[in-house]
């Protein structure tokens, strides 16, 4: 059973938002685990190809600044000199 493009995208977004297994996602849409897995993989590849020039992962010092910012939000911090992460 081929899913519509809209349903395929919604399936992938649900998978990303919930972290649920392919089995649970498939069950929620009444499709098999294999179909859910295949569809999630296909949509992921399309998203990567469509946005590879838009979504850029930071490198070097910028990456460490962003990591530190997220750790502060989460209630943790990082010591840059040693690259050791301490959790509160």
PDB file of N, CA and C in Angstrom:
ATOM      1  N   UNK A   1       0.850  -1.182   0.000  1.00  0.00           N
ATOM      2  CA  UNK A   1       0.000   0.000   0.000  1.00  0.00           C
ATOM      3  C   UNK A   1       0.890   1.236   0.000  1.00  0.00           C
ATOM      4  N   UNK A   2       0.827   2.035  -1.031  1.00  0.00           N
ATOM      5  CA  UNK A   2       1.604   3.269  -1.105  1.00  0.00           C
ATOM      6  C   UNK A   2       0.855   4.378  -0.370  1.00  0.00           C
ATOM      7  N   UNK A   3       1.598   5.118   0.445  1.00  0.00           N
ATOM      8  CA  UNK A   3       0.996   6.220   1.186  1.00  0.00           C
ATOM      9  C   UNK A   3       1.053   7.489   0.357  1.00  0.00           C
ATOM     10  N   UNK A   4       0.107   8.370   0.603  1.00  0.00           N
ATOM     11  CA  UNK A   4       0.125   9.660  -0.083  1.00  0.00           C
ATOM     12  C   UNK A   4       1.340  10.457   0.401  1.00  0.00           C
ATOM     13  N   UNK A   5       1.829  11.398  -0.393  1.00  0.00           N
ATOM     14  CA  UNK A   5       2.965  12.217   0.043  1.00  0.00           C
ATOM     15  C   UNK A   5       2.704  12.940   1.367  1.00  0.00           C
ATOM     16  N   UNK A   6       1.484  13.418   1.542  1.00  0.00           N
ATOM     17  CA  UNK A   6       1.135  14.114   2.791  1.00  0.00           C
ATOM     18  C   UNK A   6       1.202  13.158   3.972  1.00  0.00           C
ATOM     19  N   UNK A   7       0.639  11.976   3.824  1.00  0.00           N
ATOM     20  CA  UNK A   7       0.666  10.992   4.899  1.00  0.00           C
ATOM     21  C   UNK A   7       2.098  10.540   5.190  1.00  0.00           C
ATOM     22  N   UNK A   8       2.907  10.411   4.147  1.00  0.00           N
ATOM     23  CA  UNK A   8       4.312  10.033   4.332  1.00  0.00           C
ATOM     24  C   UNK A   8       5.057  11.073   5.161  1.00  0.00           C
ATOM     25  N   UNK A   9       4.836  12.335   4.841  1.00  0.00           N
ATOM     26  CA  UNK A   9       5.489  13.409   5.590  1.00  0.00           C
ATOM     27  C   UNK A   9       5.008  13.431   7.030  1.00  0.00           C
ATOM     28  N   UNK A  10       3.712  13.284   7.230  1.00  0.00           N
ATOM     29  CA  UNK A  10       3.171  13.266   8.594  1.00  0.00           C
ATOM     30  C   UNK A  10       3.703  12.082   9.392  1.00  0.00           C
ATOM     31  N   UNK A  11       3.857  10.940   8.732  1.00  0.00           N
ATOM     32  CA  UNK A  11       4.422   9.760   9.377  1.00  0.00           C
ATOM     33  C   UNK A  11       5.831  10.064   9.881  1.00  0.00           C
ATOM     34  N   UNK A  12       6.655  10.674   9.021  1.00  0.00           N
ATOM     35  CA  UNK A  12       8.032  11.015   9.396  1.00  0.00           C
ATOM     36  C   UNK A  12       8.051  12.038  10.516  1.00  0.00           C
ATOM     37  N   UNK A  13       7.208  13.042  10.441  1.00  0.00           N
ATOM     38  CA  UNK A  13       7.174  14.061  11.499  1.00  0.00           C
ATOM     39  C   UNK A  13       6.738  13.460  12.830  1.00  0.00           C
ATOM     40  N   UNK A  14       5.788  12.542  12.789  1.00  0.00           N
ATOM     41  CA  UNK A  14       5.354  11.875  14.025  1.00  0.00           C
ATOM     42  C   UNK A  14       6.496  11.045  14.609  1.00  0.00           C
ATOM     43  N   UNK A  15       7.215  10.360  13.735  1.00  0.00           N
ATOM     44  CA  UNK A  15       8.363   9.559  14.165  1.00  0.00           C
ATOM     45  C   UNK A  15       9.410  10.454  14.836  1.00  0.00           C
ATOM     46  N   UNK A  16       9.708  11.604  14.234  1.00  0.00           N
ATOM     47  CA  UNK A  16      10.695  12.518  14.810  1.00  0.00           C
ATOM     48  C   UNK A  16      10.206  13.135  16.121  1.00  0.00           C
ATOM     49  N   UNK A  17       8.941  13.506  16.159  1.00  0.00           N
ATOM     50  CA  UNK A  17       8.398  14.191  17.328  1.00  0.00           C
ATOM     51  C   UNK A  17       8.252  13.277  18.536  1.00  0.00           C
ATOM     52  N   UNK A  18       7.915  12.018  18.303  1.00  0.00           N
ATOM     53  CA  UNK A  18       7.626  11.126  19.429  1.00  0.00           C
ATOM     54  C   UNK A  18       8.756  10.161  19.745  1.00  0.00           C
ATOM     55  N   UNK A  19       9.590   9.862  18.743  1.00  0.00           N
ATOM     56  CA  UNK A  19      10.629   8.861  18.955  1.00  0.00           C
ATOM     57  C   UNK A  19      10.070   7.451  19.049  1.00  0.00           C
ATOM     58  N   UNK A  20       8.812   7.302  18.680  1.00  0.00           N
ATOM     59  CA  UNK A  20       8.170   5.990  18.753  1.00  0.00           C
ATOM     60  C   UNK A  20       8.792   5.043  17.718  1.00  0.00           C
ATOM     61  N   UNK A  21       8.651   3.772  17.974  1.00  0.00           N
ATOM     62  CA  UNK A  21       9.187   2.764  17.052  1.00  0.00           C
ATOM     63  C   UNK A  21       8.363   2.727  15.773  1.00  0.00           C
ATOM     64  N   UNK A  22       8.959   2.128  14.753  1.00  0.00           N
ATOM     65  CA  UNK A  22       8.240   1.966  13.488  1.00  0.00           C
ATOM     66  C   UNK A  22       6.975   1.131  13.687  1.00  0.00           C
ATOM     67  N   UNK A  23       7.042   0.188  14.593  1.00  0.00           N
ATOM     68  CA  UNK A  23       5.878  -0.658  14.865  1.00  0.00           C
ATOM     69  C   UNK A  23       4.716   0.180  15.401  1.00  0.00           C
ATOM     70  N   UNK A  24       4.994   1.045  16.386  1.00  0.00           N
ATOM     71  CA  UNK A  24       3.931   1.880  16.961  1.00  0.00           C
ATOM     72  C   UNK A  24       3.404   2.890  15.957  1.00  0.00           C
ATOM     73  N   UNK A  25       4.305   3.488  15.192  1.00  0.00           N
ATOM     74  CA  UNK A  25       3.879   4.451  14.170  1.00  0.00           C
ATOM     75  C   UNK A  25       3.020   3.744  13.124  1.00  0.00           C
ATOM     76  N   UNK A  26       3.471   2.573  12.687  1.00  0.00           N
ATOM     77  CA  UNK A  26       2.693   1.804  11.712  1.00  0.00           C
ATOM     78  C   UNK A  26       1.331   1.420  12.246  1.00  0.00           C
ATOM     79  N   UNK A  27       1.296   0.962  13.489  1.00  0.00           N
ATOM     80  CA  UNK A  27       0.011   0.581  14.100  1.00  0.00           C
ATOM     81  C   UNK A  27      -0.951   1.763  14.158  1.00  0.00           C
ATOM     82  N   UNK A  28      -0.416   2.950  14.461  1.00  0.00           N
ATOM     83  CA  UNK A  28      -1.293   4.117  14.584  1.00  0.00           C
ATOM     84  C   UNK A  28      -1.919   4.494  13.244  1.00  0.00           C
ATOM     85  N   UNK A  29      -1.277   4.116  12.143  1.00  0.00           N
ATOM     86  CA  UNK A  29      -1.803   4.419  10.808  1.00  0.00           C
ATOM     87  C   UNK A  29      -2.349   3.184  10.102  1.00  0.00           C
ATOM     88  N   UNK A  30      -2.357   2.074  10.832  1.00  0.00           N
ATOM     89  CA  UNK A  30      -2.837   0.798  10.307  1.00  0.00           C
ATOM     90  C   UNK A  30      -2.041   0.358   9.068  1.00  0.00           C
ATOM     91  N   UNK A  31      -0.710   0.489   9.164  1.00  0.00           N
ATOM     92  CA  UNK A  31       0.190  -0.030   8.140  1.00  0.00           C
ATOM     93  C   UNK A  31       1.226  -0.901   8.837  1.00  0.00           C
ATOM     94  N   UNK A  32       1.922  -1.728   8.092  1.00  0.00           N
ATOM     95  CA  UNK A  32       2.895  -2.637   8.700  1.00  0.00           C
ATOM     96  C   UNK A  32       4.139  -1.881   9.181  1.00  0.00           C
ATOM     97  N   UNK A  33       4.869  -2.518  10.083  1.00  0.00           N
ATOM     98  CA  UNK A  33       6.124  -1.953  10.572  1.00  0.00           C
ATOM     99  C   UNK A  33       7.080  -1.737   9.409  1.00  0.00           C
ATOM    100  N   UNK A  34       7.156  -2.728   8.496  1.00  0.00           N
ATOM    101  CA  UNK A  34       8.052  -2.614   7.350  1.00  0.00           C
ATOM    102  C   UNK A  34       7.695  -1.428   6.465  1.00  0.00           C
ATOM    103  N   UNK A  35       6.395  -1.231   6.241  1.00  0.00           N
ATOM    104  CA  UNK A  35       5.963  -0.091   5.416  1.00  0.00           C
ATOM    105  C   UNK A  35       6.311   1.227   6.098  1.00  0.00           C
ATOM    106  N   UNK A  36       6.108   1.290   7.411  1.00  0.00           N
ATOM    107  CA  UNK A  36       6.441   2.510   8.158  1.00  0.00           C
ATOM    108  C   UNK A  36       7.938   2.786   8.096  1.00  0.00           C
ATOM    109  N   UNK A  37       8.739   1.749   8.301  1.00  0.00           N
ATOM    110  CA  UNK A  37      10.192   1.905   8.263  1.00  0.00           C
ATOM    111  C   UNK A  37      10.658   2.353   6.879  1.00  0.00           C
ATOM    112  N   UNK A  38      10.142   1.733   5.862  1.00  0.00           N
ATOM    113  CA  UNK A  38      10.508   2.060   4.477  1.00  0.00           C
ATOM    114  C   UNK A  38      10.133   3.511   4.154  1.00  0.00           C
ATOM    115  N   UNK A  39       8.942   3.909   4.587  1.00  0.00           N
ATOM    116  CA  UNK A  39       8.467   5.255   4.304  1.00  0.00           C
ATOM    117  C   UNK A  39       9.263   6.310   5.073  1.00  0.00           C
ATOM    118  N   UNK A  40       9.551   6.042   6.345  1.00  0.00           N
ATOM    119  CA  UNK A  40      10.344   6.973   7.148  1.00  0.00           C
ATOM    120  C   UNK A  40      11.719   7.158   6.518  1.00  0.00           C
ATOM    121  N   UNK A  41      12.332   6.084   6.077  1.00  0.00           N
ATOM    122  CA  UNK A  41      13.651   6.167   5.442  1.00  0.00           C
ATOM    123  C   UNK A  41      13.598   6.961   4.146  1.00  0.00           C
ATOM    124  N   UNK A  42      12.592   6.706   3.335  1.00  0.00           N
ATOM    125  CA  UNK A  42      12.472   7.399   2.046  1.00  0.00           C
ATOM    126  C   UNK A  42      12.255   8.898   2.246  1.00  0.00           C
ATOM    127  N   UNK A  43      11.365   9.250   3.166  1.00  0.00           N
ATOM    128  CA  UNK A  43      11.091  10.671   3.416  1.00  0.00           C
ATOM    129  C   UNK A  43      12.317  11.346   4.018  1.00  0.00           C
ATOM    130  N   UNK A  44      13.033  10.656   4.886  1.00  0.00           N
ATOM    131  CA  UNK A  44      14.256  11.219   5.472  1.00  0.00           C
ATOM    132  C   UNK A  44      15.270  11.559   4.387  1.00  0.00           C
ATOM    133  N   UNK A  45      15.437  10.649   3.438  1.00  0.00           N
ATOM    134  CA  UNK A  45      16.373  10.891   2.334  1.00  0.00           C
ATOM    135  C   UNK A  45      15.952  12.105   1.516  1.00  0.00           C
ATOM    136  N   UNK A  46      14.660  12.239   1.268  1.00  0.00           N
ATOM    137  CA  UNK A  46      14.160  13.389   0.509  1.00  0.00           C
ATOM    138  C   UNK A  46      14.378  14.692   1.261  1.00  0.00           C
ATOM    139  N   UNK A  47      14.133  14.675   2.569  1.00  0.00           N
ATOM    140  CA  UNK A  47      14.340  15.879   3.380  1.00  0.00           C
ATOM    141  C   UNK A  47      15.811  16.273   3.366  1.00  0.00           C
ATOM    142  N   UNK A  48      16.687  15.294   3.508  1.00  0.00           N
ATOM    143  CA  UNK A  48      18.128  15.569   3.502  1.00  0.00           C
ATOM    144  C   UNK A  48      18.541  16.182   2.168  1.00  0.00           C
ATOM    145  N   UNK A  49      18.088  15.599   1.068  1.00  0.00           N
ATOM    146  CA  UNK A  49      18.452  16.127  -0.257  1.00  0.00           C
ATOM    147  C   UNK A  49      17.892  17.529  -0.476  1.00  0.00           C
ATOM    148  N   UNK A  50      16.667  17.757  -0.041  1.00  0.00           N
ATOM    149  CA  UNK A  50      16.025  19.052  -0.279  1.00  0.00           C
ATOM    150  C   UNK A  50      16.646  20.173   0.550  1.00  0.00           C
ATOM    151  N   UNK A  51      17.139  19.850   1.738  1.00  0.00           N
ATOM    152  CA  UNK A  51      17.612  20.904   2.635  1.00  0.00           C
ATOM    153  C   UNK A  51      19.091  20.845   2.968  1.00  0.00           C
ATOM    154  N   UNK A  52      19.872  20.067   2.243  1.00  0.00           N
ATOM    155  CA  UNK A  52      21.285  19.911   2.593  1.00  0.00           C
ATOM    156  C   UNK A  52      22.071  21.208   2.485  1.00  0.00           C
ATOM    157  N   UNK A  53      21.611  22.155   1.691  1.00  0.00           N
ATOM    158  CA  UNK A  53      22.303  23.438   1.576  1.00  0.00           C
ATOM    159  C   UNK A  53      21.743  24.473   2.541  1.00  0.00           C
ATOM    160  N   UNK A  54      20.633  24.154   3.171  1.00  0.00           N
ATOM    161  CA  UNK A  54      19.990  25.079   4.101  1.00  0.00           C
ATOM    162  C   UNK A  54      20.340  24.727   5.540  1.00  0.00           C
ATOM    163  N   UNK A  55      20.294  23.448   5.865  1.00  0.00           N
ATOM    164  CA  UNK A  55      20.595  22.974   7.218  1.00  0.00           C
ATOM    165  C   UNK A  55      22.077  22.645   7.277  1.00  0.00           C
ATOM    166  N   UNK A  56      22.814  23.415   8.068  1.00  0.00           N
ATOM    167  CA  UNK A  56      24.256  23.234   8.167  1.00  0.00           C
ATOM    168  C   UNK A  56      24.613  23.040   9.636  1.00  0.00           C
ATOM    169  N   UNK A  57      25.363  22.007   9.918  1.00  0.00           N
ATOM    170  CA  UNK A  57      25.783  21.765  11.281  1.00  0.00           C
ATOM    171  C   UNK A  57      27.011  22.607  11.598  1.00  0.00           C
ATOM    172  N   UNK A  58      27.025  23.227  12.765  1.00  0.00           N
ATOM    173  CA  UNK A  58      28.175  24.063  13.132  1.00  0.00           C
ATOM    174  C   UNK A  58      29.414  23.210  13.389  1.00  0.00           C
ATOM    175  N   UNK A  59      30.574  23.805  13.202  1.00  0.00           N
ATOM    176  CA  UNK A  59      31.846  23.129  13.409  1.00  0.00           C
ATOM    177  C   UNK A  59      32.718  23.940  14.358  1.00  0.00           C
ATOM    178  N   UNK A  60      33.712  23.291  14.929  1.00  0.00           N
ATOM    179  CA  UNK A  60      34.724  23.963  15.738  1.00  0.00           C
ATOM    180  C   UNK A  60      34.162  24.716  16.928  1.00  0.00           C
ATOM    181  N   UNK A  61      34.665  25.947  17.120  1.00  0.00           N
ATOM    182  CA  UNK A  61      34.265  26.757  18.266  1.00  0.00           C
ATOM    183  C   UNK A  61      32.772  27.045  18.283  1.00  0.00           C
ATOM    184  N   UNK A  62      32.193  27.260  17.109  1.00  0.00           N
ATOM    185  CA  UNK A  62      30.759  27.531  17.033  1.00  0.00           C
ATOM    186  C   UNK A  62      29.967  26.341  17.569  1.00  0.00           C
ATOM    187  N   UNK A  63      30.381  25.138  17.250  1.00  0.00           N
ATOM    188  CA  UNK A  63      29.701  23.943  17.740  1.00  0.00           C
ATOM    189  C   UNK A  63      29.768  23.870  19.259  1.00  0.00           C
ATOM    190  N   UNK A  64      30.933  24.171  19.820  1.00  0.00           N
ATOM    191  CA  UNK A  64      31.080  24.119  21.275  1.00  0.00           C
ATOM    192  C   UNK A  64      30.239  25.196  21.963  1.00  0.00           C
ATOM    193  N   UNK A  65      30.116  26.367  21.359  1.00  0.00           N
ATOM    194  CA  UNK A  65      29.270  27.422  21.923  1.00  0.00           C
ATOM    195  C   UNK A  65      27.806  26.992  21.925  1.00  0.00           C
ATOM    196  N   UNK A  66      27.378  26.363  20.860  1.00  0.00           N
ATOM    197  CA  UNK A  66      25.992  25.908  20.774  1.00  0.00           C
ATOM    198  C   UNK A  66      25.738  24.783  21.764  1.00  0.00           C
ATOM    199  N   UNK A  67      26.668  23.858  21.878  1.00  0.00           N
ATOM    200  CA  UNK A  67      26.538  22.762  22.850  1.00  0.00           C
ATOM    201  C   UNK A  67      26.432  23.336  24.259  1.00  0.00           C
ATOM    202  N   UNK A  68      27.279  24.298  24.577  1.00  0.00           N
ATOM    203  CA  UNK A  68      27.254  24.904  25.909  1.00  0.00           C
ATOM    204  C   UNK A  68      25.917  25.590  26.160  1.00  0.00           C
ATOM    205  N   UNK A  69      25.392  26.270  25.157  1.00  0.00           N
ATOM    206  CA  UNK A  69      24.088  26.926  25.300  1.00  0.00           C
ATOM    207  C   UNK A  69      22.974  25.937  25.594  1.00  0.00           C
ATOM    208  N   UNK A  70      22.960  24.812  24.879  1.00  0.00           N
ATOM    209  CA  UNK A  70      21.952  23.788  25.131  1.00  0.00           C
ATOM    210  C   UNK A  70      22.138  23.160  26.508  1.00  0.00           C
ATOM    211  N   UNK A  71      23.373  22.950  26.913  1.00  0.00           N
ATOM    212  CA  UNK A  71      23.617  22.367  28.239  1.00  0.00           C
ATOM    213  C   UNK A  71      23.121  23.304  29.339  1.00  0.00           C
ATOM    214  N   UNK A  72      23.303  24.615  29.160  1.00  0.00           N
ATOM    215  CA  UNK A  72      22.808  25.578  30.148  1.00  0.00           C
ATOM    216  C   UNK A  72      21.288  25.533  30.234  1.00  0.00           C
ATOM    217  N   UNK A  73      20.646  25.427  29.080  1.00  0.00           N
ATOM    218  CA  UNK A  73      19.189  25.328  29.057  1.00  0.00           C
ATOM    219  C   UNK A  73      18.739  24.065  29.788  1.00  0.00           C
ATOM    220  N   UNK A  74      19.473  22.974  29.611  1.00  0.00           N
ATOM    221  CA  UNK A  74      19.107  21.690  30.212  1.00  0.00           C
ATOM    222  C   UNK A  74      19.552  21.570  31.666  1.00  0.00           C
ATOM    223  N   UNK A  75      20.252  22.583  32.181  1.00  0.00           N
ATOM    224  CA  UNK A  75      20.718  22.530  33.566  1.00  0.00           C
ATOM    225  C   UNK A  75      22.044  21.824  33.716  1.00  0.00           C
ATOM    226  N   UNK A  76      22.834  21.796  32.676  1.00  0.00           N
ATOM    227  CA  UNK A  76      24.162  21.205  32.719  1.00  0.00           C
ATOM    228  C   UNK A  76      25.144  22.214  32.152  1.00  0.00           C
ATOM    229  N   UNK A  77      26.417  21.964  32.291  1.00  0.00           N
ATOM    230  CA  UNK A  77      27.411  22.859  31.718  1.00  0.00           C
ATOM    231  C   UNK A  77      28.613  22.071  31.239  1.00  0.00           C
ATOM    232  N   UNK A  78      29.444  22.696  30.430  1.00  0.00           N
ATOM    233  CA  UNK A  78      30.607  22.031  29.854  1.00  0.00           C
ATOM    234  C   UNK A  78      31.836  22.903  30.093  1.00  0.00           C
ATOM    235  N   UNK A  79      32.943  22.291  30.422  1.00  0.00           N
ATOM    236  CA  UNK A  79      34.212  23.005  30.541  1.00  0.00           C
ATOM    237  C   UNK A  79      34.935  22.830  29.218  1.00  0.00           C
ATOM    238  N   UNK A  80      35.082  23.929  28.461  1.00  0.00           N
ATOM    239  CA  UNK A  80      35.627  23.840  27.110  1.00  0.00           C
ATOM    240  C   UNK A  80      37.074  23.358  27.087  1.00  0.00           C
ATOM    241  N   UNK A  81      37.890  23.822  28.045  1.00  0.00           N
ATOM    242  CA  UNK A  81      39.312  23.489  28.008  1.00  0.00           C
ATOM    243  C   UNK A  81      39.545  21.980  28.023  1.00  0.00           C
ATOM    244  N   UNK A  82      38.790  21.271  28.816  1.00  0.00           N
ATOM    245  CA  UNK A  82      38.988  19.835  28.965  1.00  0.00           C
ATOM    246  C   UNK A  82      37.965  19.033  28.157  1.00  0.00           C
ATOM    247  N   UNK A  83      36.981  19.708  27.594  1.00  0.00           N
ATOM    248  CA  UNK A  83      35.887  19.043  26.886  1.00  0.00           C
ATOM    249  C   UNK A  83      35.233  17.979  27.763  1.00  0.00           C
ATOM    250  N   UNK A  84      35.115  18.307  29.052  1.00  0.00           N
ATOM    251  CA  UNK A  84      34.481  17.416  30.001  1.00  0.00           C
ATOM    252  C   UNK A  84      33.087  17.939  30.295  1.00  0.00           C
ATOM    253  N   UNK A  85      32.134  17.079  30.289  1.00  0.00           N
ATOM    254  CA  UNK A  85      30.755  17.472  30.565  1.00  0.00           C
ATOM    255  C   UNK A  85      30.431  17.084  31.992  1.00  0.00           C
ATOM    256  N   UNK A  86      29.938  18.050  32.754  1.00  0.00           N
ATOM    257  CA  UNK A  86      29.509  17.797  34.125  1.00  0.00           C
ATOM    258  C   UNK A  86      27.994  17.998  34.186  1.00  0.00           C
ATOM    259  N   UNK A  87      27.339  17.107  34.901  1.00  0.00           N
ATOM    260  CA  UNK A  87      25.898  17.193  35.037  1.00  0.00           C
ATOM    261  C   UNK A  87      25.556  17.568  36.461  1.00  0.00           C
ATOM    262  N   UNK A  88      24.591  18.466  36.618  1.00  0.00           N
ATOM    263  CA  UNK A  88      24.133  18.877  37.952  1.00  0.00           C
ATOM    264  C   UNK A  88      23.238  17.820  38.543  1.00  0.00           C
TER     265      UNK A  88
END
